[in-house]
Amino acid sequence: EAVNATVIGLDEAPQGYEDFDKGAAKKYVLNPHGMIPA
């Protein structure tokens, strides 16, 4: 929360990378196995 990170799954990764490349003010954390509670 303090670093404005958003947990995303592998299926959301392409959109996350696209948003990040466009300058989104978010950081993304990949959660491929669903081990991080959302």
PDB file of N, CA and C in Angstrom:
ATOM      1  N   GLU A   1       0.824  -1.193   0.000  1.00  0.00           N
ATOM      2  CA  GLU A   1       0.000   0.000   0.000  1.00  0.00           C
ATOM      3  C   GLU A   1       0.869   1.258   0.000  1.00  0.00           C
ATOM      4  N   ALA A   2       1.939   1.251   0.762  1.00  0.00           N
ATOM      5  CA  ALA A   2       2.787   2.432   0.860  1.00  0.00           C
ATOM      6  C   ALA A   2       3.531   2.733  -0.440  1.00  0.00           C
ATOM      7  N   VAL A   3       3.739   1.724  -1.271  1.00  0.00           N
ATOM      8  CA  VAL A   3       4.469   1.939  -2.523  1.00  0.00           C
ATOM      9  C   VAL A   3       3.552   1.934  -3.741  1.00  0.00           C
ATOM     10  N   ASN A   4       2.242   1.922  -3.525  1.00  0.00           N
ATOM     11  CA  ASN A   4       1.257   1.946  -4.602  1.00  0.00           C
ATOM     12  C   ASN A   4       1.432   0.759  -5.550  1.00  0.00           C
ATOM     13  N   ALA A   5       1.631  -0.438  -4.984  1.00  0.00           N
ATOM     14  CA  ALA A   5       1.801  -1.649  -5.788  1.00  0.00           C
ATOM     15  C   ALA A   5       0.457  -2.332  -5.993  1.00  0.00           C
ATOM     16  N   THR A   6       0.287  -2.900  -7.170  1.00  0.00           N
ATOM     17  CA  THR A   6      -0.921  -3.628  -7.521  1.00  0.00           C
ATOM     18  C   THR A   6      -0.533  -5.067  -7.826  1.00  0.00           C
ATOM     19  N   VAL A   7      -1.177  -6.015  -7.161  1.00  0.00           N
ATOM     20  CA  VAL A   7      -0.916  -7.431  -7.395  1.00  0.00           C
ATOM     21  C   VAL A   7      -1.726  -7.877  -8.606  1.00  0.00           C
ATOM     22  N   ILE A   8      -1.045  -8.497  -9.575  1.00  0.00           N
ATOM     23  CA  ILE A   8      -1.724  -8.982 -10.775  1.00  0.00           C
ATOM     24  C   ILE A   8      -1.305 -10.424 -11.053  1.00  0.00           C
ATOM     25  N   GLY A   9      -2.171 -11.153 -11.706  1.00  0.00           N
ATOM     26  CA  GLY A   9      -1.867 -12.515 -12.125  1.00  0.00           C
ATOM     27  C   GLY A   9      -1.192 -12.516 -13.485  1.00  0.00           C
ATOM     28  N   LEU A  10      -0.743 -13.687 -13.904  1.00  0.00           N
ATOM     29  CA  LEU A  10      -0.065 -13.775 -15.201  1.00  0.00           C
ATOM     30  C   LEU A  10      -0.968 -13.378 -16.357  1.00  0.00           C
ATOM     31  N   ASP A  11      -2.259 -13.654 -16.239  1.00  0.00           N
ATOM     32  CA  ASP A  11      -3.176 -13.299 -17.319  1.00  0.00           C
ATOM     33  C   ASP A  11      -3.338 -11.794 -17.471  1.00  0.00           C
ATOM     34  N   GLU A  12      -3.036 -11.037 -16.428  1.00  0.00           N
ATOM     35  CA  GLU A  12      -3.136  -9.571 -16.469  1.00  0.00           C
ATOM     36  C   GLU A  12      -1.793  -8.905 -16.759  1.00  0.00           C
ATOM     37  N   ALA A  13      -0.723  -9.687 -16.826  1.00  0.00           N
ATOM     38  CA  ALA A  13       0.621  -9.136 -17.000  1.00  0.00           C
ATOM     39  C   ALA A  13       0.788  -8.321 -18.281  1.00  0.00           C
ATOM     40  N   PRO A  14       0.319  -8.791 -19.440  1.00  0.00           N
ATOM     41  CA  PRO A  14       0.511  -7.973 -20.652  1.00  0.00           C
ATOM     42  C   PRO A  14      -0.099  -6.572 -20.531  1.00  0.00           C
ATOM     43  N   GLN A  15      -1.292  -6.481 -19.963  1.00  0.00           N
ATOM     44  CA  GLN A  15      -1.929  -5.172 -19.785  1.00  0.00           C
ATOM     45  C   GLN A  15      -1.152  -4.337 -18.767  1.00  0.00           C
ATOM     46  N   GLY A  16      -0.656  -4.975 -17.720  1.00  0.00           N
ATOM     47  CA  GLY A  16       0.136  -4.267 -16.715  1.00  0.00           C
ATOM     48  C   GLY A  16       1.404  -3.676 -17.302  1.00  0.00           C
ATOM     49  N   TYR A  17       2.100  -4.464 -18.136  1.00  0.00           N
ATOM     50  CA  TYR A  17       3.306  -3.953 -18.788  1.00  0.00           C
ATOM     51  C   TYR A  17       2.974  -2.802 -19.731  1.00  0.00           C
ATOM     52  N   GLU A  18       1.884  -2.921 -20.447  1.00  0.00           N
ATOM     53  CA  GLU A  18       1.476  -1.856 -21.369  1.00  0.00           C
ATOM     54  C   GLU A  18       1.185  -0.565 -20.607  1.00  0.00           C
ATOM     55  N   ASP A  19       0.439  -0.675 -19.502  1.00  0.00           N
ATOM     56  CA  ASP A  19       0.133   0.502 -18.683  1.00  0.00           C
ATOM     57  C   ASP A  19       1.407   1.118 -18.118  1.00  0.00           C
ATOM     58  N   PHE A  20       2.325   0.268 -17.638  1.00  0.00           N
ATOM     59  CA  PHE A  20       3.581   0.747 -17.067  1.00  0.00           C
ATOM     60  C   PHE A  20       4.403   1.486 -18.122  1.00  0.00           C
ATOM     61  N   ASP A  21       4.465   0.925 -19.329  1.00  0.00           N
ATOM     62  CA  ASP A  21       5.213   1.567 -20.416  1.00  0.00           C
ATOM     63  C   ASP A  21       4.621   2.914 -20.809  1.00  0.00           C
ATOM     64  N   LYS A  22       3.317   3.077 -20.607  1.00  0.00           N
ATOM     65  CA  LYS A  22       2.655   4.345 -20.919  1.00  0.00           C
ATOM     66  C   LYS A  22       2.828   5.367 -19.803  1.00  0.00           C
ATOM     67  N   GLY A  23       3.479   4.968 -18.703  1.00  0.00           N
ATOM     68  CA  GLY A  23       3.752   5.910 -17.628  1.00  0.00           C
ATOM     69  C   GLY A  23       2.790   5.843 -16.464  1.00  0.00           C
ATOM     70  N   ALA A  24       2.110   4.724 -16.285  1.00  0.00           N
ATOM     71  CA  ALA A  24       1.177   4.590 -15.159  1.00  0.00           C
ATOM     72  C   ALA A  24       1.925   4.785 -13.845  1.00  0.00           C
ATOM     73  N   ALA A  25       1.297   5.482 -12.925  1.00  0.00           N
ATOM     74  CA  ALA A  25       1.913   5.760 -11.625  1.00  0.00           C
ATOM     75  C   ALA A  25       1.654   4.612 -10.657  1.00  0.00           C
ATOM     76  N   LYS A  26       1.841   3.390 -11.123  1.00  0.00           N
ATOM     77  CA  LYS A  26       1.638   2.189 -10.309  1.00  0.00           C
ATOM     78  C   LYS A  26       2.834   1.279 -10.482  1.00  0.00           C
ATOM     79  N   LYS A  27       3.020   0.436  -9.508  1.00  0.00           N
ATOM     80  CA  LYS A  27       3.989  -0.642  -9.623  1.00  0.00           C
ATOM     81  C   LYS A  27       3.190  -1.930  -9.609  1.00  0.00           C
ATOM     82  N   TYR A  28       3.627  -2.904 -10.385  1.00  0.00           N
ATOM     83  CA  TYR A  28       2.912  -4.169 -10.476  1.00  0.00           C
ATOM     84  C   TYR A  28       3.754  -5.284  -9.880  1.00  0.00           C
ATOM     85  N   VAL A  29       3.102  -6.161  -9.140  1.00  0.00           N
ATOM     86  CA  VAL A  29       3.740  -7.336  -8.566  1.00  0.00           C
ATOM     87  C   VAL A  29       3.041  -8.545  -9.168  1.00  0.00           C
ATOM     88  N   LEU A  30       3.804  -9.402  -9.846  1.00  0.00           N
ATOM     89  CA  LEU A  30       3.219 -10.604 -10.437  1.00  0.00           C
ATOM     90  C   LEU A  30       2.968 -11.645  -9.355  1.00  0.00           C
ATOM     91  N   ASN A  31       1.816 -12.265  -9.425  1.00  0.00           N
ATOM     92  CA  ASN A  31       1.399 -13.282  -8.468  1.00  0.00           C
ATOM     93  C   ASN A  31       0.948 -14.517  -9.255  1.00  0.00           C
ATOM     94  N   PRO A  32       1.906 -15.252  -9.866  1.00  0.00           N
ATOM     95  CA  PRO A  32       1.529 -16.330 -10.768  1.00  0.00           C
ATOM     96  C   PRO A  32       0.832 -17.514 -10.103  1.00  0.00           C
ATOM     97  N   HIS A  33       1.066 -17.728  -8.828  1.00  0.00           N
ATOM     98  CA  HIS A  33       0.487 -18.891  -8.151  1.00  0.00           C
ATOM     99  C   HIS A  33      -0.632 -18.528  -7.188  1.00  0.00           C
ATOM    100  N   GLY A  34      -1.025 -17.263  -7.152  1.00  0.00           N
ATOM    101  CA  GLY A  34      -2.117 -16.833  -6.283  1.00  0.00           C
ATOM    102  C   GLY A  34      -1.789 -16.883  -4.801  1.00  0.00           C
ATOM    103  N   MET A  35      -0.518 -16.740  -4.446  1.00  0.00           N
ATOM    104  CA  MET A  35      -0.112 -16.862  -3.047  1.00  0.00           C
ATOM    105  C   MET A  35      -0.177 -15.545  -2.281  1.00  0.00           C
ATOM    106  N   ILE A  36      -0.264 -14.424  -2.986  1.00  0.00           N
ATOM    107  CA  ILE A  36      -0.367 -13.117  -2.334  1.00  0.00           C
ATOM    108  C   ILE A  36      -1.842 -12.766  -2.226  1.00  0.00           C
ATOM    109  N   PRO A  37      -2.346 -12.552  -1.015  1.00  0.00           N
ATOM    110  CA  PRO A  37      -3.766 -12.171  -0.903  1.00  0.00           C
ATOM    111  C   PRO A  37      -4.005 -10.803  -1.544  1.00  0.00           C
ATOM    112  N   ALA A  38      -5.079 -10.681  -2.270  1.00  0.00           N
ATOM    113  CA  ALA A  38      -5.376  -9.420  -2.973  1.00  0.00           C
ATOM    114  C   ALA A  38      -6.066  -8.428  -2.074  1.00  0.00           C
TER     115      ALA A  38
END
